[in-house]
Amino acid sequence: MTGAYSFVCQYSSTDRLHERLNQLGWHWQLGDSHWYGDYIAAVPFPGARIRIVDFPDHVENGWRYESDIRISKECTMRMTGIDEAYRQILSQVPAYEIKEIEWFD
């Protein structure tokens, strides 16, 4: 099962967003993908992965990032709980204009 979101924040640098996320909770790591380039990822619950891809779009009120959530069959946390926890982290970034988007993987 998967979900995907976009959000806007004031961090134009993925490195700075990475630093901020690690101040807020979970353990966020930088990674690299052949298809999506650099990304930030966390495993907030066993079997769940959240990834924020690099290359944010500059918009009028900040920088728009895209992210996805993937859960495996081993995940015991419900998707609604993962969504709620992720949105709580994003609100502390702070991020705004959080919207569901089409999954991109």
PDB file of N, CA and C in Angstrom:
ATOM      1  N   MET A   1       0.858  -1.183   0.000  1.00  0.00           N
ATOM      2  CA  MET A   1       0.000   0.000   0.000  1.00  0.00           C
ATOM      3  C   MET A   1       0.899   1.239   0.000  1.00  0.00           C
ATOM      4  N   THR A   2       0.463   2.245  -0.684  1.00  0.00           N
ATOM      5  CA  THR A   2       1.253   3.467  -0.787  1.00  0.00           C
ATOM      6  C   THR A   2       0.359   4.683  -0.716  1.00  0.00           C
ATOM      7  N   GLY A   3       0.977   5.817  -0.458  1.00  0.00           N
ATOM      8  CA  GLY A   3       0.334   7.117  -0.508  1.00  0.00           C
ATOM      9  C   GLY A   3       1.370   8.126  -0.950  1.00  0.00           C
ATOM     10  N   ALA A   4       0.945   9.281  -1.385  1.00  0.00           N
ATOM     11  CA  ALA A   4       1.897  10.302  -1.829  1.00  0.00           C
ATOM     12  C   ALA A   4       1.341  11.679  -1.504  1.00  0.00           C
ATOM     13  N   TYR A   5       2.246  12.590  -1.165  1.00  0.00           N
ATOM     14  CA  TYR A   5       1.863  13.939  -0.759  1.00  0.00           C
ATOM     15  C   TYR A   5       2.845  14.953  -1.324  1.00  0.00           C
ATOM     16  N   SER A   6       2.351  16.147  -1.548  1.00  0.00           N
ATOM     17  CA  SER A   6       3.231  17.291  -1.786  1.00  0.00           C
ATOM     18  C   SER A   6       3.031  18.245  -0.621  1.00  0.00           C
ATOM     19  N   PHE A   7       4.038  19.053  -0.375  1.00  0.00           N
ATOM     20  CA  PHE A   7       3.941  20.070   0.675  1.00  0.00           C
ATOM     21  C   PHE A   7       4.880  21.207   0.341  1.00  0.00           C
ATOM     22  N   VAL A   8       4.616  22.348   0.920  1.00  0.00           N
ATOM     23  CA  VAL A   8       5.436  23.540   0.721  1.00  0.00           C
ATOM     24  C   VAL A   8       6.072  23.890   2.061  1.00  0.00           C
ATOM     25  N   CYS A   9       7.343  24.278   2.003  1.00  0.00           N
ATOM     26  CA  CYS A   9       8.045  24.746   3.199  1.00  0.00           C
ATOM     27  C   CYS A   9       9.061  25.797   2.767  1.00  0.00           C
ATOM     28  N   GLN A  10       9.777  26.346   3.710  1.00  0.00           N
ATOM     29  CA  GLN A  10      10.737  27.406   3.416  1.00  0.00           C
ATOM     30  C   GLN A  10      12.152  26.887   3.152  1.00  0.00           C
ATOM     31  N   TYR A  11      12.352  25.572   3.158  1.00  0.00           N
ATOM     32  CA  TYR A  11      13.682  25.003   2.958  1.00  0.00           C
ATOM     33  C   TYR A  11      13.941  24.750   1.477  1.00  0.00           C
ATOM     34  N   SER A  12      14.825  25.553   0.890  1.00  0.00           N
ATOM     35  CA  SER A  12      15.175  25.374  -0.523  1.00  0.00           C
ATOM     36  C   SER A  12      16.242  24.306  -0.692  1.00  0.00           C
ATOM     37  N   SER A  13      16.886  23.925   0.385  1.00  0.00           N
ATOM     38  CA  SER A  13      17.950  22.934   0.357  1.00  0.00           C
ATOM     39  C   SER A  13      17.466  21.652   1.030  1.00  0.00           C
ATOM     40  N   THR A  14      17.594  20.544   0.324  1.00  0.00           N
ATOM     41  CA  THR A  14      17.211  19.260   0.907  1.00  0.00           C
ATOM     42  C   THR A  14      18.076  18.945   2.119  1.00  0.00           C
ATOM     43  N   ASP A  15      19.329  19.365   2.107  1.00  0.00           N
ATOM     44  CA  ASP A  15      20.200  19.153   3.269  1.00  0.00           C
ATOM     45  C   ASP A  15      19.650  19.877   4.498  1.00  0.00           C
ATOM     46  N   ARG A  16      19.173  21.098   4.328  1.00  0.00           N
ATOM     47  CA  ARG A  16      18.617  21.847   5.457  1.00  0.00           C
ATOM     48  C   ARG A  16      17.298  21.237   5.916  1.00  0.00           C
ATOM     49  N   LEU A  17      16.464  20.794   4.980  1.00  0.00           N
ATOM     50  CA  LEU A  17      15.232  20.114   5.350  1.00  0.00           C
ATOM     51  C   LEU A  17      15.561  18.842   6.121  1.00  0.00           C
ATOM     52  N   HIS A  18      16.566  18.106   5.689  1.00  0.00           N
ATOM     53  CA  HIS A  18      17.024  16.889   6.367  1.00  0.00           C
ATOM     54  C   HIS A  18      17.412  17.201   7.814  1.00  0.00           C
ATOM     55  N   GLU A  19      18.187  18.248   8.015  1.00  0.00           N
ATOM     56  CA  GLU A  19      18.578  18.655   9.374  1.00  0.00           C
ATOM     57  C   GLU A  19      17.356  18.950  10.230  1.00  0.00           C
ATOM     58  N   ARG A  20      16.414  19.701   9.680  1.00  0.00           N
ATOM     59  CA  ARG A  20      15.209  20.062  10.431  1.00  0.00           C
ATOM     60  C   ARG A  20      14.390  18.823  10.792  1.00  0.00           C
ATOM     61  N   LEU A  21      14.199  17.929   9.852  1.00  0.00           N
ATOM     62  CA  LEU A  21      13.426  16.723  10.129  1.00  0.00           C
ATOM     63  C   LEU A  21      14.055  15.890  11.240  1.00  0.00           C
ATOM     64  N   ASN A  22      15.378  15.810  11.265  1.00  0.00           N
ATOM     65  CA  ASN A  22      16.042  15.047  12.324  1.00  0.00           C
ATOM     66  C   ASN A  22      15.905  15.713  13.688  1.00  0.00           C
ATOM     67  N   GLN A  23      15.636  17.001  13.728  1.00  0.00           N
ATOM     68  CA  GLN A  23      15.367  17.676  14.995  1.00  0.00           C
ATOM     69  C   GLN A  23      13.980  17.323  15.527  1.00  0.00           C
ATOM     70  N   LEU A  24      13.090  16.913  14.645  1.00  0.00           N
ATOM     71  CA  LEU A  24      11.684  16.718  15.002  1.00  0.00           C
ATOM     72  C   LEU A  24      11.327  15.297  15.405  1.00  0.00           C
ATOM     73  N   GLY A  25      12.057  14.330  14.945  1.00  0.00           N
ATOM     74  CA  GLY A  25      11.732  12.960  15.297  1.00  0.00           C
ATOM     75  C   GLY A  25      12.071  11.988  14.189  1.00  0.00           C
ATOM     76  N   TRP A  26      11.988  10.709  14.523  1.00  0.00           N
ATOM     77  CA  TRP A  26      12.379   9.625  13.660  1.00  0.00           C
ATOM     78  C   TRP A  26      13.850   9.798  13.300  1.00  0.00           C
ATOM     79  N   HIS A  27      14.373   8.944  12.489  1.00  0.00           N
ATOM     80  CA  HIS A  27      15.752   9.068  12.009  1.00  0.00           C
ATOM     81  C   HIS A  27      15.692   9.171  10.496  1.00  0.00           C
ATOM     82  N   TRP A  28      15.994  10.339   9.985  1.00  0.00           N
ATOM     83  CA  TRP A  28      15.941  10.602   8.550  1.00  0.00           C
ATOM     84  C   TRP A  28      17.339  10.455   7.969  1.00  0.00           C
ATOM     85  N   GLN A  29      17.428   9.748   6.841  1.00  0.00           N
ATOM     86  CA  GLN A  29      18.705   9.546   6.170  1.00  0.00           C
ATOM     87  C   GLN A  29      18.644  10.103   4.753  1.00  0.00           C
ATOM     88  N   LEU A  30      19.794  10.559   4.284  1.00  0.00           N
ATOM     89  CA  LEU A  30      19.907  10.962   2.884  1.00  0.00           C
ATOM     90  C   LEU A  30      20.205   9.720   2.058  1.00  0.00           C
ATOM     91  N   GLY A  31      19.620   9.642   0.881  1.00  0.00           N
ATOM     92  CA  GLY A  31      19.859   8.523  -0.019  1.00  0.00           C
ATOM     93  C   GLY A  31      19.931   9.002  -1.450  1.00  0.00           C
ATOM     94  N   ASP A  32      20.183   8.071  -2.351  1.00  0.00           N
ATOM     95  CA  ASP A  32      20.301   8.394  -3.764  1.00  0.00           C
ATOM     96  C   ASP A  32      19.612   7.295  -4.567  1.00  0.00           C
ATOM     97  N   SER A  33      18.837   7.713  -5.548  1.00  0.00           N
ATOM     98  CA  SER A  33      18.120   6.786  -6.416  1.00  0.00           C
ATOM     99  C   SER A  33      18.479   7.076  -7.862  1.00  0.00           C
ATOM    100  N   HIS A  34      18.627   6.030  -8.631  1.00  0.00           N
ATOM    101  CA  HIS A  34      18.901   6.199 -10.055  1.00  0.00           C
ATOM    102  C   HIS A  34      17.781   6.985 -10.731  1.00  0.00           C
ATOM    103  N   TRP A  35      16.524   6.744 -10.344  1.00  0.00           N
ATOM    104  CA  TRP A  35      15.377   7.386 -10.987  1.00  0.00           C
ATOM    105  C   TRP A  35      15.050   8.751 -10.418  1.00  0.00           C
ATOM    106  N   TYR A  36      15.173   8.926  -9.083  1.00  0.00           N
ATOM    107  CA  TYR A  36      14.678  10.146  -8.444  1.00  0.00           C
ATOM    108  C   TYR A  36      15.776  11.039  -7.883  1.00  0.00           C
ATOM    109  N   GLY A  37      17.012  10.673  -8.043  1.00  0.00           N
ATOM    110  CA  GLY A  37      18.097  11.485  -7.509  1.00  0.00           C
ATOM    111  C   GLY A  37      18.151  11.376  -5.992  1.00  0.00           C
ATOM    112  N   ASP A  38      18.584  12.439  -5.354  1.00  0.00           N
ATOM    113  CA  ASP A  38      18.707  12.436  -3.900  1.00  0.00           C
ATOM    114  C   ASP A  38      17.331  12.435  -3.250  1.00  0.00           C
ATOM    115  N   TYR A  39      17.271  11.903  -2.055  1.00  0.00           N
ATOM    116  CA  TYR A  39      16.029  11.895  -1.299  1.00  0.00           C
ATOM    117  C   TYR A  39      16.348  11.814   0.193  1.00  0.00           C
ATOM    118  N   ILE A  40      15.343  12.077   0.997  1.00  0.00           N
ATOM    119  CA  ILE A  40      15.412  11.927   2.449  1.00  0.00           C
ATOM    120  C   ILE A  40      14.417  10.829   2.797  1.00  0.00           C
ATOM    121  N   ALA A  41      14.806   9.895   3.652  1.00  0.00           N
ATOM    122  CA  ALA A  41      13.890   8.809   3.989  1.00  0.00           C
ATOM    123  C   ALA A  41      13.948   8.485   5.476  1.00  0.00           C
ATOM    124  N   ALA A  42      12.828   8.003   5.964  1.00  0.00           N
ATOM    125  CA  ALA A  42      12.729   7.540   7.349  1.00  0.00           C
ATOM    126  C   ALA A  42      11.897   6.269   7.375  1.00  0.00           C
ATOM    127  N   VAL A  43      12.155   5.453   8.389  1.00  0.00           N
ATOM    128  CA  VAL A  43      11.346   4.268   8.656  1.00  0.00           C
ATOM    129  C   VAL A  43      10.721   4.509  10.034  1.00  0.00           C
ATOM    130  N   PRO A  44       9.564   5.184  10.059  1.00  0.00           N
ATOM    131  CA  PRO A  44       8.966   5.565  11.337  1.00  0.00           C
ATOM    132  C   PRO A  44       8.373   4.396  12.113  1.00  0.00           C
ATOM    133  N   PHE A  45       7.988   3.350  11.399  1.00  0.00           N
ATOM    134  CA  PHE A  45       7.404   2.147  12.003  1.00  0.00           C
ATOM    135  C   PHE A  45       7.927   0.957  11.208  1.00  0.00           C
ATOM    136  N   PRO A  46       8.098  -0.201  11.833  1.00  0.00           N
ATOM    137  CA  PRO A  46       8.569  -1.364  11.080  1.00  0.00           C
ATOM    138  C   PRO A  46       7.655  -1.631   9.874  1.00  0.00           C
ATOM    139  N   GLY A  47       8.279  -1.777   8.698  1.00  0.00           N
ATOM    140  CA  GLY A  47       7.533  -2.045   7.483  1.00  0.00           C
ATOM    141  C   GLY A  47       6.982  -0.815   6.785  1.00  0.00           C
ATOM    142  N   ALA A  48       7.288   0.370   7.286  1.00  0.00           N
ATOM    143  CA  ALA A  48       6.817   1.619   6.663  1.00  0.00           C
ATOM    144  C   ALA A  48       8.015   2.486   6.306  1.00  0.00           C
ATOM    145  N   ARG A  49       7.968   3.075   5.111  1.00  0.00           N
ATOM    146  CA  ARG A  49       9.037   3.972   4.676  1.00  0.00           C
ATOM    147  C   ARG A  49       8.426   5.247   4.111  1.00  0.00           C
ATOM    148  N   ILE A  50       8.970   6.378   4.541  1.00  0.00           N
ATOM    149  CA  ILE A  50       8.565   7.675   3.993  1.00  0.00           C
ATOM    150  C   ILE A  50       9.767   8.246   3.270  1.00  0.00           C
ATOM    151  N   ARG A  51       9.542   8.726   2.048  1.00  0.00           N
ATOM    152  CA  ARG A  51      10.632   9.286   1.245  1.00  0.00           C
ATOM    153  C   ARG A  51      10.204  10.647   0.714  1.00  0.00           C
ATOM    154  N   ILE A  52      11.086  11.620   0.843  1.00  0.00           N
ATOM    155  CA  ILE A  52      10.889  12.963   0.291  1.00  0.00           C
ATOM    156  C   ILE A  52      11.950  13.143  -0.787  1.00  0.00           C
ATOM    157  N   VAL A  53      11.513  13.386  -2.020  1.00  0.00           N
ATOM    158  CA  VAL A  53      12.473  13.479  -3.118  1.00  0.00           C
ATOM    159  C   VAL A  53      13.035  14.898  -3.236  1.00  0.00           C
ATOM    160  N   ASP A  54      14.256  14.958  -3.725  1.00  0.00           N
ATOM    161  CA  ASP A  54      14.980  16.217  -3.906  1.00  0.00           C
ATOM    162  C   ASP A  54      14.417  16.954  -5.121  1.00  0.00           C
ATOM    163  N   PHE A  55      15.013  18.064  -5.429  1.00  0.00           N
ATOM    164  CA  PHE A  55      14.618  18.922  -6.539  1.00  0.00           C
ATOM    165  C   PHE A  55      13.248  19.556  -6.310  1.00  0.00           C
ATOM    166  N   PRO A  56      13.120  20.312  -5.224  1.00  0.00           N
ATOM    167  CA  PRO A  56      11.834  20.974  -4.972  1.00  0.00           C
ATOM    168  C   PRO A  56      11.576  22.056  -6.013  1.00  0.00           C
ATOM    169  N   ASP A  57      10.298  22.297  -6.256  1.00  0.00           N
ATOM    170  CA  ASP A  57       9.893  23.369  -7.166  1.00  0.00           C
ATOM    171  C   ASP A  57       9.737  24.662  -6.388  1.00  0.00           C
ATOM    172  N   HIS A  58      10.287  25.749  -6.917  1.00  0.00           N
ATOM    173  CA  HIS A  58      10.101  27.049  -6.282  1.00  0.00           C
ATOM    174  C   HIS A  58       8.689  27.531  -6.601  1.00  0.00           C
ATOM    175  N   VAL A  59       7.941  27.856  -5.569  1.00  0.00           N
ATOM    176  CA  VAL A  59       6.587  28.379  -5.723  1.00  0.00           C
ATOM    177  C   VAL A  59       6.525  29.727  -5.016  1.00  0.00           C
ATOM    178  N   GLU A  60       5.442  30.416  -5.192  1.00  0.00           N
ATOM    179  CA  GLU A  60       5.305  31.778  -4.674  1.00  0.00           C
ATOM    180  C   GLU A  60       5.629  31.896  -3.184  1.00  0.00           C
ATOM    181  N   ASN A  61       5.222  30.913  -2.395  1.00  0.00           N
ATOM    182  CA  ASN A  61       5.383  31.030  -0.945  1.00  0.00           C
ATOM    183  C   ASN A  61       6.362  30.020  -0.358  1.00  0.00           C
ATOM    184  N   GLY A  62       7.318  29.532  -1.151  1.00  0.00           N
ATOM    185  CA  GLY A  62       8.325  28.617  -0.614  1.00  0.00           C
ATOM    186  C   GLY A  62       8.791  27.608  -1.648  1.00  0.00           C
ATOM    187  N   TRP A  63       8.979  26.379  -1.192  1.00  0.00           N
ATOM    188  CA  TRP A  63       9.498  25.299  -2.028  1.00  0.00           C
ATOM    189  C   TRP A  63       8.595  24.086  -1.892  1.00  0.00           C
ATOM    190  N   ARG A  64       8.130  23.543  -3.009  1.00  0.00           N
ATOM    191  CA  ARG A  64       7.226  22.393  -3.003  1.00  0.00           C
ATOM    192  C   ARG A  64       8.031  21.101  -3.188  1.00  0.00           C
ATOM    193  N   TYR A  65       7.867  20.218  -2.221  1.00  0.00           N
ATOM    194  CA  TYR A  65       8.479  18.888  -2.262  1.00  0.00           C
ATOM    195  C   TYR A  65       7.395  17.849  -2.503  1.00  0.00           C
ATOM    196  N   GLU A  66       7.798  16.691  -3.015  1.00  0.00           N
ATOM    197  CA  GLU A  66       6.903  15.554  -3.149  1.00  0.00           C
ATOM    198  C   GLU A  66       7.438  14.423  -2.285  1.00  0.00           C
ATOM    199  N   SER A  67       6.517  13.660  -1.734  1.00  0.00           N
ATOM    200  CA  SER A  67       6.911  12.555  -0.868  1.00  0.00           C
ATOM    201  C   SER A  67       5.974  11.375  -1.074  1.00  0.00           C
ATOM    202  N   ASP A  68       6.474  10.210  -0.711  1.00  0.00           N
ATOM    203  CA  ASP A  68       5.612   9.038  -0.770  1.00  0.00           C
ATOM    204  C   ASP A  68       5.796   8.181   0.470  1.00  0.00           C
ATOM    205  N   ILE A  69       4.767   7.413   0.746  1.00  0.00           N
ATOM    206  CA  ILE A  69       4.765   6.489   1.868  1.00  0.00           C
ATOM    207  C   ILE A  69       4.537   5.107   1.294  1.00  0.00           C
ATOM    208  N   ARG A  70       5.360   4.186   1.697  1.00  0.00           N
ATOM    209  CA  ARG A  70       5.186   2.804   1.243  1.00  0.00           C
ATOM    210  C   ARG A  70       5.168   1.911   2.479  1.00  0.00           C
ATOM    211  N   ILE A  71       4.192   1.029   2.534  1.00  0.00           N
ATOM    212  CA  ILE A  71       4.152   0.058   3.626  1.00  0.00           C
ATOM    213  C   ILE A  71       4.150  -1.347   3.032  1.00  0.00           C
ATOM    214  N   SER A  72       4.862  -2.209   3.708  1.00  0.00           N
ATOM    215  CA  SER A  72       4.917  -3.608   3.289  1.00  0.00           C
ATOM    216  C   SER A  72       3.896  -4.408   4.080  1.00  0.00           C
ATOM    217  N   LYS A  73       3.730  -5.652   3.716  1.00  0.00           N
ATOM    218  CA  LYS A  73       2.764  -6.496   4.413  1.00  0.00           C
ATOM    219  C   LYS A  73       3.192  -6.775   5.852  1.00  0.00           C
ATOM    220  N   GLU A  74       4.453  -6.530   6.187  1.00  0.00           N
ATOM    221  CA  GLU A  74       4.932  -6.721   7.550  1.00  0.00           C
ATOM    222  C   GLU A  74       4.541  -5.563   8.476  1.00  0.00           C
ATOM    223  N   CYS A  75       4.090  -4.470   7.912  1.00  0.00           N
ATOM    224  CA  CYS A  75       3.740  -3.288   8.701  1.00  0.00           C
ATOM    225  C   CYS A  75       2.453  -3.557   9.486  1.00  0.00           C
ATOM    226  N   THR A  76       2.515  -3.317  10.799  1.00  0.00           N
ATOM    227  CA  THR A  76       1.334  -3.518  11.640  1.00  0.00           C
ATOM    228  C   THR A  76       0.608  -2.199  11.927  1.00  0.00           C
ATOM    229  N   MET A  77       1.213  -1.085  11.590  1.00  0.00           N
ATOM    230  CA  MET A  77       0.584   0.221  11.793  1.00  0.00           C
ATOM    231  C   MET A  77      -0.370   0.489  10.634  1.00  0.00           C
ATOM    232  N   ARG A  78      -1.558   0.963  10.952  1.00  0.00           N
ATOM    233  CA  ARG A  78      -2.520   1.294   9.903  1.00  0.00           C
ATOM    234  C   ARG A  78      -2.069   2.535   9.147  1.00  0.00           C
ATOM    235  N   MET A  79      -2.431   2.605   7.871  1.00  0.00           N
ATOM    236  CA  MET A  79      -2.036   3.743   7.030  1.00  0.00           C
ATOM    237  C   MET A  79      -2.541   5.055   7.626  1.00  0.00           C
ATOM    238  N   THR A  80      -3.711   5.048   8.216  1.00  0.00           N
ATOM    239  CA  THR A  80      -4.237   6.283   8.821  1.00  0.00           C
ATOM    240  C   THR A  80      -3.332   6.762   9.949  1.00  0.00           C
ATOM    241  N   GLY A  81      -2.762   5.852  10.719  1.00  0.00           N
ATOM    242  CA  GLY A  81      -1.841   6.222  11.793  1.00  0.00           C
ATOM    243  C   GLY A  81      -0.530   6.765  11.260  1.00  0.00           C
ATOM    244  N   ILE A  82      -0.039   6.167  10.177  1.00  0.00           N
ATOM    245  CA  ILE A  82       1.192   6.645   9.548  1.00  0.00           C
ATOM    246  C   ILE A  82       0.969   8.039   8.975  1.00  0.00           C
ATOM    247  N   ASP A  83      -0.154   8.223   8.259  1.00  0.00           N
ATOM    248  CA  ASP A  83      -0.493   9.539   7.708  1.00  0.00           C
ATOM    249  C   ASP A  83      -0.556  10.592   8.809  1.00  0.00           C
ATOM    250  N   GLU A  84      -1.235  10.272   9.892  1.00  0.00           N
ATOM    251  CA  GLU A  84      -1.382  11.224  10.994  1.00  0.00           C
ATOM    252  C   GLU A  84      -0.024  11.590  11.591  1.00  0.00           C
ATOM    253  N   ALA A  85       0.831  10.605  11.817  1.00  0.00           N
ATOM    254  CA  ALA A  85       2.158  10.864  12.381  1.00  0.00           C
ATOM    255  C   ALA A  85       3.007  11.703  11.414  1.00  0.00           C
ATOM    256  N   TYR A  86       2.937  11.394  10.121  1.00  0.00           N
ATOM    257  CA  TYR A  86       3.706  12.138   9.123  1.00  0.00           C
ATOM    258  C   TYR A  86       3.225  13.583   9.037  1.00  0.00           C
ATOM    259  N   ARG A  87       1.918  13.780   9.010  1.00  0.00           N
ATOM    260  CA  ARG A  87       1.370  15.145   8.963  1.00  0.00           C
ATOM    261  C   ARG A  87       1.767  15.941  10.209  1.00  0.00           C
ATOM    262  N   GLN A  88       1.855  15.278  11.349  1.00  0.00           N
ATOM    263  CA  GLN A  88       2.275  15.964  12.579  1.00  0.00           C
ATOM    264  C   GLN A  88       3.730  16.429  12.454  1.00  0.00           C
ATOM    265  N   ILE A  89       4.599  15.574  11.914  1.00  0.00           N
ATOM    266  CA  ILE A  89       5.993  15.971  11.679  1.00  0.00           C
ATOM    267  C   ILE A  89       6.041  17.142  10.697  1.00  0.00           C
ATOM    268  N   LEU A  90       5.287  17.044   9.596  1.00  0.00           N
ATOM    269  CA  LEU A  90       5.301  18.118   8.602  1.00  0.00           C
ATOM    270  C   LEU A  90       4.808  19.441   9.188  1.00  0.00           C
ATOM    271  N   SER A  91       3.836  19.400  10.070  1.00  0.00           N
ATOM    272  CA  SER A  91       3.319  20.640  10.649  1.00  0.00           C
ATOM    273  C   SER A  91       4.377  21.346  11.497  1.00  0.00           C
ATOM    274  N   GLN A  92       5.334  20.583  12.000  1.00  0.00           N
ATOM    275  CA  GLN A  92       6.393  21.172  12.823  1.00  0.00           C
ATOM    276  C   GLN A  92       7.575  21.677  12.003  1.00  0.00           C
ATOM    277  N   VAL A  93       7.624  21.354  10.704  1.00  0.00           N
ATOM    278  CA  VAL A  93       8.750  21.793   9.858  1.00  0.00           C
ATOM    279  C   VAL A  93       8.889  23.321   9.872  1.00  0.00           C
ATOM    280  N   PRO A  94       7.899  24.168   9.676  1.00  0.00           N
ATOM    281  CA  PRO A  94       6.525  23.880   9.323  1.00  0.00           C
ATOM    282  C   PRO A  94       6.348  23.734   7.817  1.00  0.00           C
ATOM    283  N   ALA A  95       5.416  22.850   7.448  1.00  0.00           N
ATOM    284  CA  ALA A  95       5.014  22.673   6.055  1.00  0.00           C
ATOM    285  C   ALA A  95       3.541  23.040   5.949  1.00  0.00           C
ATOM    286  N   TYR A  96       3.140  23.465   4.793  1.00  0.00           N
ATOM    287  CA  TYR A  96       1.755  23.851   4.552  1.00  0.00           C
ATOM    288  C   TYR A  96       1.395  23.437   3.137  1.00  0.00           C
ATOM    289  N   GLU A  97       0.142  23.652   2.781  1.00  0.00           N
ATOM    290  CA  GLU A  97      -0.368  23.194   1.483  1.00  0.00           C
ATOM    291  C   GLU A  97      -0.057  21.714   1.280  1.00  0.00           C
ATOM    292  N   ILE A  98      -0.270  20.927   2.320  1.00  0.00           N
ATOM    293  CA  ILE A  98      -0.063  19.483   2.243  1.00  0.00           C
ATOM    294  C   ILE A  98      -1.233  18.885   1.468  1.00  0.00           C
ATOM    295  N   LYS A  99      -0.906  18.216   0.348  1.00  0.00           N
ATOM    296  CA  LYS A  99      -1.950  17.684  -0.532  1.00  0.00           C
ATOM    297  C   LYS A  99      -1.608  16.265  -0.952  1.00  0.00           C
ATOM    298  N   GLU A 100      -2.638  15.440  -1.086  1.00  0.00           N
ATOM    299  CA  GLU A 100      -2.440  14.120  -1.657  1.00  0.00           C
ATOM    300  C   GLU A 100      -2.186  14.295  -3.153  1.00  0.00           C
ATOM    301  N   ILE A 101      -1.224  13.550  -3.660  1.00  0.00           N
ATOM    302  CA  ILE A 101      -0.894  13.576  -5.081  1.00  0.00           C
ATOM    303  C   ILE A 101      -0.874  12.153  -5.610  1.00  0.00           C
ATOM    304  N   GLU A 102      -0.774  12.023  -6.904  1.00  0.00           N
ATOM    305  CA  GLU A 102      -0.660  10.697  -7.496  1.00  0.00           C
ATOM    306  C   GLU A 102       0.682  10.098  -7.114  1.00  0.00           C
ATOM    307  N   TRP A 103       0.662   8.845  -6.765  1.00  0.00           N
ATOM    308  CA  TRP A 103       1.887   8.136  -6.376  1.00  0.00           C
ATOM    309  C   TRP A 103       2.840   8.094  -7.555  1.00  0.00           C
ATOM    310  N   PHE A 104       4.123   8.290  -7.326  1.00  0.00           N
ATOM    311  CA  PHE A 104       5.065   8.479  -8.439  1.00  0.00           C
ATOM    312  C   PHE A 104       6.140   7.419  -8.559  1.00  0.00           C
ATOM    313  N   ASP A 105       6.071   6.311  -7.866  1.00  0.00           N
ATOM    314  CA  ASP A 105       7.123   5.307  -7.958  1.00  0.00           C
ATOM    315  C   ASP A 105       6.765   4.211  -8.911  1.00  0.00           C
TER     316      ASP A 105
END
